[in-house]
Amino acid sequence: MSLENWSLLSSEGTVLLYIAINPWASVRQIAQAVGITERTAWGIVTRLRRAGMLHVRTKGHCRFYSVDLDGPFLHPTLNRYTLRPFIQSLVRDEQAVATASAHLSSP
């Protein structure tokens, strides 16, 4: 799949959103969470990384990924935007939910 035709509802979009909410996720974690094979996850992550949408960090033999909010939003109708306006509010909302849940569950 060409990334110029992807959407947030495609496998690429799902992986991108999962990584945005779960920075430092491994490919194995991504594949399990999204419900795809590790091989498919590797392919998607590779395409997103080559397109400038992901950062990769290595710790030992493991690679971890995070979204580059200043990376391009590669879509025919939204190509003048970066990922920031689409992803940042989602991550902020998810962090707020996690914080609220942690406060509610603590004694």
N, C-alpha and C. Protein backbone atom coordinates (compact mmCIF):
# COMPACT_ATOMS: atom_id res chain seq x y z
N MET A 1 0.85 -1.19 0.00
CA MET A 1 0.00 0.00 0.00
C MET A 1 0.88 1.24 0.00
N SER A 2 0.59 2.15 -0.86
CA SER A 2 1.29 3.41 -0.89
C SER A 2 0.79 4.29 0.25
N LEU A 3 1.71 4.94 0.94
CA LEU A 3 1.29 5.77 2.07
C LEU A 3 0.58 7.03 1.63
N GLU A 4 0.64 7.37 0.35
CA GLU A 4 -0.10 8.53 -0.13
C GLU A 4 -1.60 8.27 -0.13
N ASN A 5 -2.02 7.02 0.01
CA ASN A 5 -3.44 6.67 -0.02
C ASN A 5 -3.94 6.08 1.30
N TRP A 6 -3.20 6.21 2.35
CA TRP A 6 -3.59 5.62 3.61
C TRP A 6 -4.61 6.49 4.32
N SER A 7 -5.24 5.95 5.33
CA SER A 7 -6.16 6.73 6.15
C SER A 7 -5.99 6.31 7.60
N LEU A 8 -6.57 7.07 8.50
CA LEU A 8 -6.46 6.73 9.92
C LEU A 8 -7.22 5.44 10.24
N LEU A 9 -8.10 4.99 9.34
CA LEU A 9 -8.85 3.77 9.57
C LEU A 9 -8.21 2.55 8.91
N SER A 10 -7.11 2.74 8.20
CA SER A 10 -6.40 1.64 7.57
C SER A 10 -5.50 0.97 8.60
N SER A 11 -4.88 -0.12 8.20
CA SER A 11 -3.91 -0.78 9.10
C SER A 11 -2.78 0.17 9.46
N GLU A 12 -2.33 0.96 8.49
CA GLU A 12 -1.26 1.93 8.75
C GLU A 12 -1.71 2.96 9.78
N GLY A 13 -2.93 3.44 9.64
CA GLY A 13 -3.46 4.42 10.58
C GLY A 13 -3.63 3.83 11.97
N THR A 14 -4.10 2.59 12.03
CA THR A 14 -4.28 1.93 13.32
C THR A 14 -2.93 1.75 14.03
N VAL A 15 -1.93 1.33 13.29
CA VAL A 15 -0.59 1.16 13.87
C VAL A 15 -0.05 2.51 14.32
N LEU A 16 -0.22 3.53 13.50
CA LEU A 16 0.26 4.87 13.85
C LEU A 16 -0.40 5.36 15.13
N LEU A 17 -1.71 5.19 15.24
CA LEU A 17 -2.42 5.63 16.45
C LEU A 17 -2.00 4.82 17.67
N TYR A 18 -1.80 3.52 17.50
CA TYR A 18 -1.36 2.70 18.63
C TYR A 18 0.01 3.18 19.12
N ILE A 19 0.91 3.44 18.20
CA ILE A 19 2.24 3.91 18.59
C ILE A 19 2.15 5.28 19.25
N ALA A 20 1.26 6.14 18.77
CA ALA A 20 1.10 7.47 19.37
C ALA A 20 0.67 7.36 20.84
N ILE A 21 -0.24 6.43 21.11
CA ILE A 21 -0.75 6.27 22.47
C ILE A 21 0.20 5.46 23.33
N ASN A 22 0.99 4.60 22.69
CA ASN A 22 1.91 3.71 23.39
C ASN A 22 3.33 3.91 22.88
N PRO A 23 3.92 5.08 23.18
CA PRO A 23 5.29 5.30 22.71
C PRO A 23 6.21 4.24 23.31
N TRP A 24 7.23 3.91 22.60
CA TRP A 24 8.19 2.90 23.00
C TRP A 24 7.63 1.49 22.85
N ALA A 25 6.56 1.34 22.07
CA ALA A 25 6.02 0.01 21.81
C ALA A 25 6.96 -0.76 20.88
N SER A 26 7.09 -2.04 21.12
CA SER A 26 7.87 -2.90 20.23
C SER A 26 6.96 -3.40 19.12
N VAL A 27 7.54 -3.92 18.06
CA VAL A 27 6.74 -4.44 16.95
C VAL A 27 5.87 -5.60 17.42
N ARG A 28 6.39 -6.43 18.30
CA ARG A 28 5.59 -7.54 18.83
C ARG A 28 4.36 -7.01 19.57
N GLN A 29 4.55 -5.99 20.40
CA GLN A 29 3.43 -5.40 21.14
C GLN A 29 2.42 -4.77 20.18
N ILE A 30 2.92 -4.10 19.17
CA ILE A 30 2.05 -3.46 18.18
C ILE A 30 1.21 -4.52 17.48
N ALA A 31 1.86 -5.57 17.02
CA ALA A 31 1.16 -6.64 16.29
C ALA A 31 0.07 -7.27 17.15
N GLN A 32 0.40 -7.58 18.39
CA GLN A 32 -0.57 -8.21 19.28
C GLN A 32 -1.76 -7.29 19.55
N ALA A 33 -1.48 -6.03 19.80
CA ALA A 33 -2.55 -5.08 20.14
C ALA A 33 -3.47 -4.80 18.95
N VAL A 34 -2.90 -4.71 17.76
CA VAL A 34 -3.66 -4.34 16.58
C VAL A 34 -4.30 -5.57 15.92
N GLY A 35 -3.81 -6.75 16.25
CA GLY A 35 -4.38 -7.97 15.69
C GLY A 35 -3.86 -8.32 14.31
N ILE A 36 -2.56 -8.08 14.10
CA ILE A 36 -1.91 -8.43 12.84
C ILE A 36 -0.68 -9.27 13.15
N THR A 37 -0.10 -9.86 12.13
CA THR A 37 1.11 -10.64 12.35
C THR A 37 2.30 -9.70 12.58
N GLU A 38 3.34 -10.23 13.20
CA GLU A 38 4.55 -9.43 13.39
C GLU A 38 5.15 -9.03 12.05
N ARG A 39 5.08 -9.92 11.08
CA ARG A 39 5.62 -9.61 9.76
C ARG A 39 4.88 -8.43 9.13
N THR A 40 3.55 -8.43 9.23
CA THR A 40 2.76 -7.31 8.72
C THR A 40 3.08 -6.03 9.47
N ALA A 41 3.20 -6.14 10.79
CA ALA A 41 3.55 -4.97 11.61
C ALA A 41 4.90 -4.41 11.21
N TRP A 42 5.89 -5.29 10.98
CA TRP A 42 7.21 -4.83 10.54
C TRP A 42 7.10 -4.05 9.23
N GLY A 43 6.32 -4.56 8.29
CA GLY A 43 6.16 -3.88 7.01
C GLY A 43 5.54 -2.51 7.16
N ILE A 44 4.50 -2.43 7.98
CA ILE A 44 3.82 -1.15 8.20
C ILE A 44 4.75 -0.17 8.90
N VAL A 45 5.41 -0.61 9.95
CA VAL A 45 6.33 0.26 10.70
C VAL A 45 7.45 0.75 9.78
N THR A 46 7.96 -0.14 8.95
CA THR A 46 9.02 0.25 8.01
C THR A 46 8.54 1.34 7.06
N ARG A 47 7.33 1.17 6.50
CA ARG A 47 6.79 2.19 5.58
C ARG A 47 6.55 3.51 6.30
N LEU A 48 6.01 3.46 7.51
CA LEU A 48 5.76 4.69 8.26
C LEU A 48 7.08 5.39 8.62
N ARG A 49 8.08 4.60 8.99
CA ARG A 49 9.39 5.17 9.33
C ARG A 49 10.03 5.82 8.11
N ARG A 50 10.00 5.13 6.98
CA ARG A 50 10.59 5.68 5.75
C ARG A 50 9.87 6.94 5.28
N ALA A 51 8.59 7.04 5.60
CA ALA A 51 7.81 8.22 5.23
C ALA A 51 8.04 9.39 6.19
N GLY A 52 8.82 9.17 7.24
CA GLY A 52 9.13 10.25 8.17
C GLY A 52 8.10 10.45 9.27
N MET A 53 7.25 9.44 9.51
CA MET A 53 6.20 9.56 10.50
C MET A 53 6.60 9.00 11.87
N LEU A 54 7.67 8.22 11.93
CA LEU A 54 8.07 7.59 13.18
C LEU A 54 9.52 7.87 13.51
N HIS A 55 9.80 7.89 14.82
CA HIS A 55 11.16 7.88 15.33
C HIS A 55 11.44 6.45 15.76
N VAL A 56 12.66 6.01 15.62
CA VAL A 56 13.04 4.68 16.10
C VAL A 56 14.18 4.86 17.10
N ARG A 57 14.10 4.13 18.19
CA ARG A 57 15.16 4.15 19.20
C ARG A 57 15.52 2.70 19.50
N THR A 58 16.79 2.48 19.74
CA THR A 58 17.26 1.13 20.01
C THR A 58 17.75 1.04 21.44
N LYS A 59 17.37 -0.04 22.10
CA LYS A 59 17.86 -0.34 23.45
C LYS A 59 18.27 -1.80 23.43
N GLY A 60 19.57 -2.03 23.46
CA GLY A 60 20.07 -3.39 23.30
C GLY A 60 19.76 -3.89 21.91
N HIS A 61 19.07 -5.02 21.83
CA HIS A 61 18.69 -5.58 20.55
C HIS A 61 17.27 -5.21 20.15
N CYS A 62 16.59 -4.43 20.97
CA CYS A 62 15.18 -4.09 20.72
C CYS A 62 15.06 -2.70 20.09
N ARG A 63 14.09 -2.59 19.22
CA ARG A 63 13.75 -1.30 18.62
C ARG A 63 12.39 -0.87 19.13
N PHE A 64 12.28 0.40 19.45
CA PHE A 64 11.03 0.96 19.94
C PHE A 64 10.69 2.16 19.08
N TYR A 65 9.39 2.43 18.94
CA TYR A 65 8.93 3.43 18.00
C TYR A 65 8.06 4.47 18.69
N SER A 66 8.14 5.69 18.19
CA SER A 66 7.26 6.76 18.64
C SER A 66 6.93 7.62 17.42
N VAL A 67 5.80 8.31 17.48
CA VAL A 67 5.34 9.12 16.36
C VAL A 67 6.11 10.43 16.32
N ASP A 68 6.52 10.82 15.14
CA ASP A 68 7.12 12.13 14.92
C ASP A 68 5.98 13.09 14.62
N LEU A 69 5.58 13.86 15.62
CA LEU A 69 4.44 14.76 15.45
C LEU A 69 4.67 15.81 14.36
N ASP A 70 5.93 16.07 14.04
CA ASP A 70 6.23 17.01 12.98
C ASP A 70 6.42 16.32 11.63
N GLY A 71 6.18 15.01 11.61
CA GLY A 71 6.26 14.26 10.37
C GLY A 71 5.08 14.60 9.47
N PRO A 72 5.18 14.29 8.20
CA PRO A 72 4.12 14.65 7.25
C PRO A 72 2.89 13.77 7.40
N PHE A 73 1.74 14.37 7.21
CA PHE A 73 0.49 13.61 7.15
C PHE A 73 0.30 13.28 5.68
N LEU A 74 0.74 12.10 5.29
CA LEU A 74 0.75 11.73 3.88
C LEU A 74 -0.62 11.24 3.45
N HIS A 75 -1.41 12.16 2.99
CA HIS A 75 -2.74 11.84 2.47
C HIS A 75 -3.03 12.86 1.38
N PRO A 76 -3.65 12.44 0.29
CA PRO A 76 -3.83 13.35 -0.84
C PRO A 76 -4.54 14.66 -0.50
N THR A 77 -5.50 14.63 0.41
CA THR A 77 -6.25 15.85 0.72
C THR A 77 -5.70 16.60 1.92
N LEU A 78 -4.78 15.99 2.66
CA LEU A 78 -4.25 16.61 3.88
C LEU A 78 -2.74 16.72 3.88
N ASN A 79 -2.13 16.67 2.72
CA ASN A 79 -0.68 16.58 2.63
C ASN A 79 0.06 17.84 3.04
N ARG A 80 -0.62 18.91 3.27
CA ARG A 80 0.08 20.13 3.71
C ARG A 80 0.20 20.20 5.23
N TYR A 81 -0.36 19.22 5.93
CA TYR A 81 -0.33 19.19 7.39
C TYR A 81 0.73 18.23 7.90
N THR A 82 1.11 18.46 9.16
CA THR A 82 1.94 17.48 9.86
C THR A 82 1.01 16.59 10.67
N LEU A 83 1.55 15.59 11.32
CA LEU A 83 0.74 14.69 12.15
C LEU A 83 0.26 15.36 13.43
N ARG A 84 0.91 16.43 13.85
CA ARG A 84 0.62 17.07 15.14
C ARG A 84 -0.85 17.39 15.38
N PRO A 85 -1.56 18.07 14.49
CA PRO A 85 -2.95 18.41 14.81
C PRO A 85 -3.87 17.19 14.91
N PHE A 86 -3.49 16.10 14.31
CA PHE A 86 -4.34 14.91 14.31
C PHE A 86 -4.03 13.98 15.47
N ILE A 87 -2.78 13.92 15.86
CA ILE A 87 -2.34 12.94 16.84
C ILE A 87 -2.21 13.53 18.24
N GLN A 88 -1.78 14.77 18.35
CA GLN A 88 -1.47 15.36 19.65
C GLN A 88 -2.67 15.37 20.60
N SER A 89 -3.84 15.75 20.12
CA SER A 89 -5.00 15.79 21.00
C SER A 89 -5.41 14.39 21.43
N LEU A 90 -5.27 13.42 20.56
CA LEU A 90 -5.57 12.03 20.91
C LEU A 90 -4.66 11.55 22.04
N VAL A 91 -3.39 11.82 21.92
CA VAL A 91 -2.43 11.40 22.94
C VAL A 91 -2.72 12.13 24.24
N ARG A 92 -2.99 13.40 24.17
CA ARG A 92 -3.30 14.18 25.37
C ARG A 92 -4.55 13.62 26.06
N ASP A 93 -5.60 13.32 25.29
CA ASP A 93 -6.83 12.76 25.85
C ASP A 93 -6.58 11.40 26.49
N GLU A 94 -5.79 10.56 25.84
CA GLU A 94 -5.47 9.23 26.36
C GLU A 94 -4.68 9.34 27.66
N GLN A 95 -3.73 10.28 27.72
CA GLN A 95 -2.95 10.48 28.94
C GLN A 95 -3.84 10.98 30.07
N ALA A 96 -4.81 11.83 29.76
CA ALA A 96 -5.73 12.33 30.78
C ALA A 96 -6.58 11.20 31.35
N VAL A 97 -7.04 10.31 30.48
CA VAL A 97 -7.83 9.16 30.91
C VAL A 97 -6.99 8.26 31.80
N ALA A 98 -5.76 8.00 31.41
CA ALA A 98 -4.87 7.14 32.21
C ALA A 98 -4.59 7.77 33.56
N THR A 99 -4.37 9.07 33.60
CA THR A 99 -4.13 9.75 34.87
C THR A 99 -5.35 9.70 35.77
N ALA A 100 -6.52 9.94 35.21
CA ALA A 100 -7.75 9.89 36.00
C ALA A 100 -7.99 8.48 36.53
N SER A 101 -7.75 7.47 35.72
CA SER A 101 -7.93 6.08 36.14
C SER A 101 -6.97 5.74 37.27
N ALA A 102 -5.74 6.21 37.18
CA ALA A 102 -4.75 5.94 38.22
C ALA A 102 -5.18 6.58 39.53
N HIS A 103 -5.71 7.81 39.47
CA HIS A 103 -6.16 8.50 40.69
C HIS A 103 -7.37 7.81 41.30
N LEU A 104 -8.27 7.30 40.47
CA LEU A 104 -9.46 6.64 40.97
C LEU A 104 -9.15 5.29 41.61
N SER A 105 -8.13 4.61 41.10
CA SER A 105 -7.81 3.29 41.62
C SER A 105 -6.85 3.31 42.81
N SER A 106 -6.25 4.45 43.09
CA SER A 106 -5.31 4.52 44.23
C SER A 106 -6.09 4.77 45.52
N PRO A 107 -5.62 4.16 46.62
CA PRO A 107 -6.34 4.29 47.91
C PRO A 107 -6.21 5.67 48.51
